[in-house]
Amino acid sequence: MNAGEYFEMIINILMGLTLIVLIMIFFYMIYGEKEETPSPTKKVTLKIFRGISAGLYRFYVLM
């Protein structure tokens, strides 16, 4: 295994772990805390998360 293959494997592992963490954060935001009215911070966070996940999906599809 040369250096290129090694770093490619590390990058793939980090991308996979990042995806798992983002999914866990999403589920926590949806199912973790039950509030009567959604706070503005939660709305903004959901909007940012949706943008990030869409960007990651596009990046993953291009690879």
PDB file of N, CA and C in Angstrom:
ATOM      1  N   MET A   1       0.861  -1.174   0.000  1.00  0.00           N
ATOM      2  CA  MET A   1       0.000   0.000   0.000  1.00  0.00           C
ATOM      3  C   MET A   1       0.906   1.236   0.000  1.00  0.00           C
ATOM      4  N   ASN A   2       0.702   2.067  -1.005  1.00  0.00           N
ATOM      5  CA  ASN A   2       1.515   3.276  -1.068  1.00  0.00           C
ATOM      6  C   ASN A   2       0.803   4.415  -0.322  1.00  0.00           C
ATOM      7  N   ALA A   3       1.439   5.561  -0.295  1.00  0.00           N
ATOM      8  CA  ALA A   3       0.910   6.696   0.479  1.00  0.00           C
ATOM      9  C   ALA A   3      -0.437   7.173  -0.063  1.00  0.00           C
ATOM     10  N   GLY A   4      -0.619   7.175  -1.368  1.00  0.00           N
ATOM     11  CA  GLY A   4      -1.876   7.624  -1.955  1.00  0.00           C
ATOM     12  C   GLY A   4      -3.055   6.757  -1.537  1.00  0.00           C
ATOM     13  N   GLU A   5      -2.844   5.442  -1.594  1.00  0.00           N
ATOM     14  CA  GLU A   5      -3.914   4.519  -1.181  1.00  0.00           C
ATOM     15  C   GLU A   5      -4.225   4.666   0.305  1.00  0.00           C
ATOM     16  N   TYR A   6      -3.184   4.869   1.106  1.00  0.00           N
ATOM     17  CA  TYR A   6      -3.366   5.015   2.550  1.00  0.00           C
ATOM     18  C   TYR A   6      -4.219   6.238   2.871  1.00  0.00           C
ATOM     19  N   PHE A   7      -3.866   7.373   2.287  1.00  0.00           N
ATOM     20  CA  PHE A   7      -4.606   8.595   2.575  1.00  0.00           C
ATOM     21  C   PHE A   7      -6.010   8.551   1.975  1.00  0.00           C
ATOM     22  N   GLU A   8      -6.182   7.876   0.858  1.00  0.00           N
ATOM     23  CA  GLU A   8      -7.524   7.715   0.290  1.00  0.00           C
ATOM     24  C   GLU A   8      -8.406   6.899   1.236  1.00  0.00           C
ATOM     25  N   MET A   9      -7.825   5.855   1.839  1.00  0.00           N
ATOM     26  CA  MET A   9      -8.571   5.046   2.793  1.00  0.00           C
ATOM     27  C   MET A   9      -8.935   5.869   4.037  1.00  0.00           C
ATOM     28  N   ILE A  10      -8.009   6.669   4.528  1.00  0.00           N
ATOM     29  CA  ILE A  10      -8.268   7.517   5.696  1.00  0.00           C
ATOM     30  C   ILE A  10      -9.381   8.518   5.379  1.00  0.00           C
ATOM     31  N   ILE A  11      -9.340   9.132   4.211  1.00  0.00           N
ATOM     32  CA  ILE A  11     -10.361  10.104   3.813  1.00  0.00           C
ATOM     33  C   ILE A  11     -11.723   9.426   3.719  1.00  0.00           C
ATOM     34  N   ASN A  12     -11.788   8.233   3.141  1.00  0.00           N
ATOM     35  CA  ASN A  12     -13.060   7.514   3.040  1.00  0.00           C
ATOM     36  C   ASN A  12     -13.616   7.164   4.420  1.00  0.00           C
ATOM     37  N   ILE A  13     -12.759   6.748   5.322  1.00  0.00           N
ATOM     38  CA  ILE A  13     -13.209   6.438   6.687  1.00  0.00           C
ATOM     39  C   ILE A  13     -13.739   7.695   7.368  1.00  0.00           C
ATOM     40  N   LEU A  14     -13.030   8.794   7.244  1.00  0.00           N
ATOM     41  CA  LEU A  14     -13.477  10.050   7.861  1.00  0.00           C
ATOM     42  C   LEU A  14     -14.792  10.537   7.257  1.00  0.00           C
ATOM     43  N   MET A  15     -14.959  10.384   5.952  1.00  0.00           N
ATOM     44  CA  MET A  15     -16.222  10.789   5.328  1.00  0.00           C
ATOM     45  C   MET A  15     -17.369   9.911   5.821  1.00  0.00           C
ATOM     46  N   GLY A  16     -17.144   8.633   5.956  1.00  0.00           N
ATOM     47  CA  GLY A  16     -18.168   7.742   6.472  1.00  0.00           C
ATOM     48  C   GLY A  16     -18.548   8.072   7.906  1.00  0.00           C
ATOM     49  N   LEU A  17     -17.551   8.318   8.741  1.00  0.00           N
ATOM     50  CA  LEU A  17     -17.826   8.682  10.131  1.00  0.00           C
ATOM     51  C   LEU A  17     -18.561  10.013  10.219  1.00  0.00           C
ATOM     52  N   THR A  18     -18.193  10.958   9.371  1.00  0.00           N
ATOM     53  CA  THR A  18     -18.881  12.252   9.356  1.00  0.00           C
ATOM     54  C   THR A  18     -20.336  12.080   8.976  1.00  0.00           C
ATOM     55  N   LEU A  19     -20.608  11.252   7.991  1.00  0.00           N
ATOM     56  CA  LEU A  19     -21.984  10.996   7.577  1.00  0.00           C
ATOM     57  C   LEU A  19     -22.785  10.368   8.719  1.00  0.00           C
ATOM     58  N   ILE A  20     -22.198   9.403   9.413  1.00  0.00           N
ATOM     59  CA  ILE A  20     -22.878   8.763  10.537  1.00  0.00           C
ATOM     60  C   ILE A  20     -23.179   9.768  11.640  1.00  0.00           C
ATOM     61  N   VAL A  21     -22.218  10.620  11.957  1.00  0.00           N
ATOM     62  CA  VAL A  21     -22.412  11.630  13.004  1.00  0.00           C
ATOM     63  C   VAL A  21     -23.515  12.607  12.603  1.00  0.00           C
ATOM     64  N   LEU A  22     -23.520  13.050  11.353  1.00  0.00           N
ATOM     65  CA  LEU A  22     -24.563  13.972  10.908  1.00  0.00           C
ATOM     66  C   LEU A  22     -25.947  13.330  10.971  1.00  0.00           C
ATOM     67  N   ILE A  23     -26.040  12.064  10.628  1.00  0.00           N
ATOM     68  CA  ILE A  23     -27.321  11.361  10.720  1.00  0.00           C
ATOM     69  C   ILE A  23     -27.755  11.249  12.178  1.00  0.00           C
ATOM     70  N   MET A  24     -26.818  10.966  13.072  1.00  0.00           N
ATOM     71  CA  MET A  24     -27.161  10.871  14.487  1.00  0.00           C
ATOM     72  C   MET A  24     -27.611  12.223  15.041  1.00  0.00           C
ATOM     73  N   ILE A  25     -26.956  13.295  14.637  1.00  0.00           N
ATOM     74  CA  ILE A  25     -27.369  14.637  15.063  1.00  0.00           C
ATOM     75  C   ILE A  25     -28.762  14.934  14.550  1.00  0.00           C
ATOM     76  N   PHE A  26     -29.038  14.566  13.308  1.00  0.00           N
ATOM     77  CA  PHE A  26     -30.364  14.790  12.739  1.00  0.00           C
ATOM     78  C   PHE A  26     -31.432  14.053  13.536  1.00  0.00           C
ATOM     79  N   PHE A  27     -31.207  12.771  13.838  1.00  0.00           N
ATOM     80  CA  PHE A  27     -32.190  12.011  14.601  1.00  0.00           C
ATOM     81  C   PHE A  27     -32.359  12.567  16.011  1.00  0.00           C
ATOM     82  N   TYR A  28     -31.282  13.034  16.612  1.00  0.00           N
ATOM     83  CA  TYR A  28     -31.396  13.636  17.940  1.00  0.00           C
ATOM     84  C   TYR A  28     -32.242  14.904  17.873  1.00  0.00           C
ATOM     85  N   MET A  29     -32.021  15.706  16.843  1.00  0.00           N
ATOM     86  CA  MET A  29     -32.788  16.939  16.717  1.00  0.00           C
ATOM     87  C   MET A  29     -34.270  16.641  16.492  1.00  0.00           C
ATOM     88  N   ILE A  30     -34.582  15.597  15.770  1.00  0.00           N
ATOM     89  CA  ILE A  30     -35.977  15.275  15.476  1.00  0.00           C
ATOM     90  C   ILE A  30     -36.638  14.549  16.644  1.00  0.00           C
ATOM     91  N   TYR A  31     -35.991  13.530  17.186  1.00  0.00           N
ATOM     92  CA  TYR A  31     -36.631  12.663  18.167  1.00  0.00           C
ATOM     93  C   TYR A  31     -36.122  12.849  19.594  1.00  0.00           C
ATOM     94  N   GLY A  32     -35.029  13.569  19.788  1.00  0.00           N
ATOM     95  CA  GLY A  32     -34.409  13.651  21.104  1.00  0.00           C
ATOM     96  C   GLY A  32     -35.160  14.500  22.096  1.00  0.00           C
ATOM     97  N   GLU A  33     -35.506  15.694  21.733  1.00  0.00           N
ATOM     98  CA  GLU A  33     -36.168  16.614  22.648  1.00  0.00           C
ATOM     99  C   GLU A  33     -37.523  16.989  22.069  1.00  0.00           C
ATOM    100  N   LYS A  34     -38.535  16.894  22.897  1.00  0.00           N
ATOM    101  CA  LYS A  34     -39.869  17.280  22.459  1.00  0.00           C
ATOM    102  C   LYS A  34     -40.181  18.663  23.027  1.00  0.00           C
ATOM    103  N   GLU A  35     -40.313  19.645  22.156  1.00  0.00           N
ATOM    104  CA  GLU A  35     -40.662  20.996  22.553  1.00  0.00           C
ATOM    105  C   GLU A  35     -42.061  21.301  22.036  1.00  0.00           C
ATOM    106  N   GLU A  36     -42.754  22.185  22.747  1.00  0.00           N
ATOM    107  CA  GLU A  36     -44.092  22.584  22.307  1.00  0.00           C
ATOM    108  C   GLU A  36     -44.024  23.394  21.016  1.00  0.00           C
ATOM    109  N   THR A  37     -43.133  24.371  20.971  1.00  0.00           N
ATOM    110  CA  THR A  37     -42.972  25.189  19.770  1.00  0.00           C
ATOM    111  C   THR A  37     -41.513  25.103  19.331  1.00  0.00           C
ATOM    112  N   PRO A  38     -41.261  24.917  18.052  1.00  0.00           N
ATOM    113  CA  PRO A  38     -39.872  24.856  17.590  1.00  0.00           C
ATOM    114  C   PRO A  38     -39.191  26.220  17.746  1.00  0.00           C
ATOM    115  N   SER A  39     -37.999  26.189  18.275  1.00  0.00           N
ATOM    116  CA  SER A  39     -37.259  27.425  18.473  1.00  0.00           C
ATOM    117  C   SER A  39     -36.656  27.891  17.150  1.00  0.00           C
ATOM    118  N   PRO A  40     -36.374  29.188  17.037  1.00  0.00           N
ATOM    119  CA  PRO A  40     -35.731  29.690  15.808  1.00  0.00           C
ATOM    120  C   PRO A  40     -34.369  29.043  15.563  1.00  0.00           C
ATOM    121  N   THR A  41     -33.656  28.748  16.648  1.00  0.00           N
ATOM    122  CA  THR A  41     -32.343  28.111  16.497  1.00  0.00           C
ATOM    123  C   THR A  41     -32.485  26.745  15.858  1.00  0.00           C
ATOM    124  N   LYS A  42     -33.510  25.999  16.264  1.00  0.00           N
ATOM    125  CA  LYS A  42     -33.717  24.659  15.699  1.00  0.00           C
ATOM    126  C   LYS A  42     -34.047  24.749  14.215  1.00  0.00           C
ATOM    127  N   LYS A  43     -34.840  25.736  13.829  1.00  0.00           N
ATOM    128  CA  LYS A  43     -35.184  25.903  12.416  1.00  0.00           C
ATOM    129  C   LYS A  43     -33.939  26.205  11.581  1.00  0.00           C
ATOM    130  N   VAL A  44     -33.100  27.094  12.099  1.00  0.00           N
ATOM    131  CA  VAL A  44     -31.879  27.459  11.381  1.00  0.00           C
ATOM    132  C   VAL A  44     -30.939  26.256  11.294  1.00  0.00           C
ATOM    133  N   THR A  45     -30.832  25.521  12.408  1.00  0.00           N
ATOM    134  CA  THR A  45     -29.957  24.351  12.423  1.00  0.00           C
ATOM    135  C   THR A  45     -30.433  23.303  11.423  1.00  0.00           C
ATOM    136  N   LEU A  46     -31.731  23.068  11.371  1.00  0.00           N
ATOM    137  CA  LEU A  46     -32.263  22.115  10.396  1.00  0.00           C
ATOM    138  C   LEU A  46     -31.989  22.563   8.965  1.00  0.00           C
ATOM    139  N   LYS A  47     -32.131  23.860   8.710  1.00  0.00           N
ATOM    140  CA  LYS A  47     -31.871  24.386   7.374  1.00  0.00           C
ATOM    141  C   LYS A  47     -30.407  24.194   6.998  1.00  0.00           C
ATOM    142  N   ILE A  48     -29.508  24.475   7.935  1.00  0.00           N
ATOM    143  CA  ILE A  48     -28.076  24.307   7.681  1.00  0.00           C
ATOM    144  C   ILE A  48     -27.762  22.826   7.448  1.00  0.00           C
ATOM    145  N   PHE A  49     -28.340  21.947   8.283  1.00  0.00           N
ATOM    146  CA  PHE A  49     -28.089  20.515   8.146  1.00  0.00           C
ATOM    147  C   PHE A  49     -28.563  19.994   6.797  1.00  0.00           C
ATOM    148  N   ARG A  50     -29.736  20.452   6.378  1.00  0.00           N
ATOM    149  CA  ARG A  50     -30.244  20.017   5.072  1.00  0.00           C
ATOM    150  C   ARG A  50     -29.324  20.471   3.943  1.00  0.00           C
ATOM    151  N   GLY A  51     -28.793  21.689   4.046  1.00  0.00           N
ATOM    152  CA  GLY A  51     -27.867  22.183   3.030  1.00  0.00           C
ATOM    153  C   GLY A  51     -26.579  21.388   3.002  1.00  0.00           C
ATOM    154  N   ILE A  52     -26.064  21.081   4.192  1.00  0.00           N
ATOM    155  CA  ILE A  52     -24.817  20.310   4.275  1.00  0.00           C
ATOM    156  C   ILE A  52     -25.028  18.906   3.735  1.00  0.00           C
ATOM    157  N   SER A  53     -26.136  18.269   4.139  1.00  0.00           N
ATOM    158  CA  SER A  53     -26.359  16.896   3.681  1.00  0.00           C
ATOM    159  C   SER A  53     -26.573  16.843   2.167  1.00  0.00           C
ATOM    160  N   ALA A  54     -27.246  17.846   1.611  1.00  0.00           N
ATOM    161  CA  ALA A  54     -27.421  17.882   0.158  1.00  0.00           C
ATOM    162  C   ALA A  54     -26.073  18.071  -0.535  1.00  0.00           C
ATOM    163  N   GLY A  55     -25.228  18.928   0.015  1.00  0.00           N
ATOM    164  CA  GLY A  55     -23.900  19.146  -0.558  1.00  0.00           C
ATOM    165  C   GLY A  55     -23.035  17.902  -0.482  1.00  0.00           C
ATOM    166  N   LEU A  56     -23.082  17.202   0.667  1.00  0.00           N
ATOM    167  CA  LEU A  56     -22.316  15.968   0.803  1.00  0.00           C
ATOM    168  C   LEU A  56     -22.803  14.899  -0.169  1.00  0.00           C
ATOM    169  N   TYR A  57     -24.120  14.833  -0.352  1.00  0.00           N
ATOM    170  CA  TYR A  57     -24.662  13.856  -1.291  1.00  0.00           C
ATOM    171  C   TYR A  57     -24.173  14.138  -2.702  1.00  0.00           C
ATOM    172  N   ARG A  58     -24.207  15.411  -3.108  1.00  0.00           N
ATOM    173  CA  ARG A  58     -23.738  15.774  -4.458  1.00  0.00           C
ATOM    174  C   ARG A  58     -22.255  15.452  -4.609  1.00  0.00           C
ATOM    175  N   PHE A  59     -21.468  15.746  -3.568  1.00  0.00           N
ATOM    176  CA  PHE A  59     -20.041  15.466  -3.609  1.00  0.00           C
ATOM    177  C   PHE A  59     -19.800  13.965  -3.729  1.00  0.00           C
ATOM    178  N   TYR A  60     -20.574  13.175  -2.955  1.00  0.00           N
ATOM    179  CA  TYR A  60     -20.410  11.726  -2.968  1.00  0.00           C
ATOM    180  C   TYR A  60     -20.794  11.144  -4.324  1.00  0.00           C
ATOM    181  N   VAL A  61     -21.834  11.681  -4.951  1.00  0.00           N
ATOM    182  CA  VAL A  61     -22.273  11.205  -6.254  1.00  0.00           C
ATOM    183  C   VAL A  61     -21.210  11.498  -7.306  1.00  0.00           C
ATOM    184  N   LEU A  62     -20.540  12.646  -7.193  1.00  0.00           N
ATOM    185  CA  LEU A  62     -19.514  13.016  -8.173  1.00  0.00           C
ATOM    186  C   LEU A  62     -18.293  12.116  -8.070  1.00  0.00           C
ATOM    187  N   MET A  63     -18.026  11.558  -6.905  1.00  0.00           N
ATOM    188  CA  MET A  63     -16.859  10.689  -6.734  1.00  0.00           C
ATOM    189  C   MET A  63     -17.183   9.387  -7.350  1.00  0.00           C
TER     190      MET A  63
END
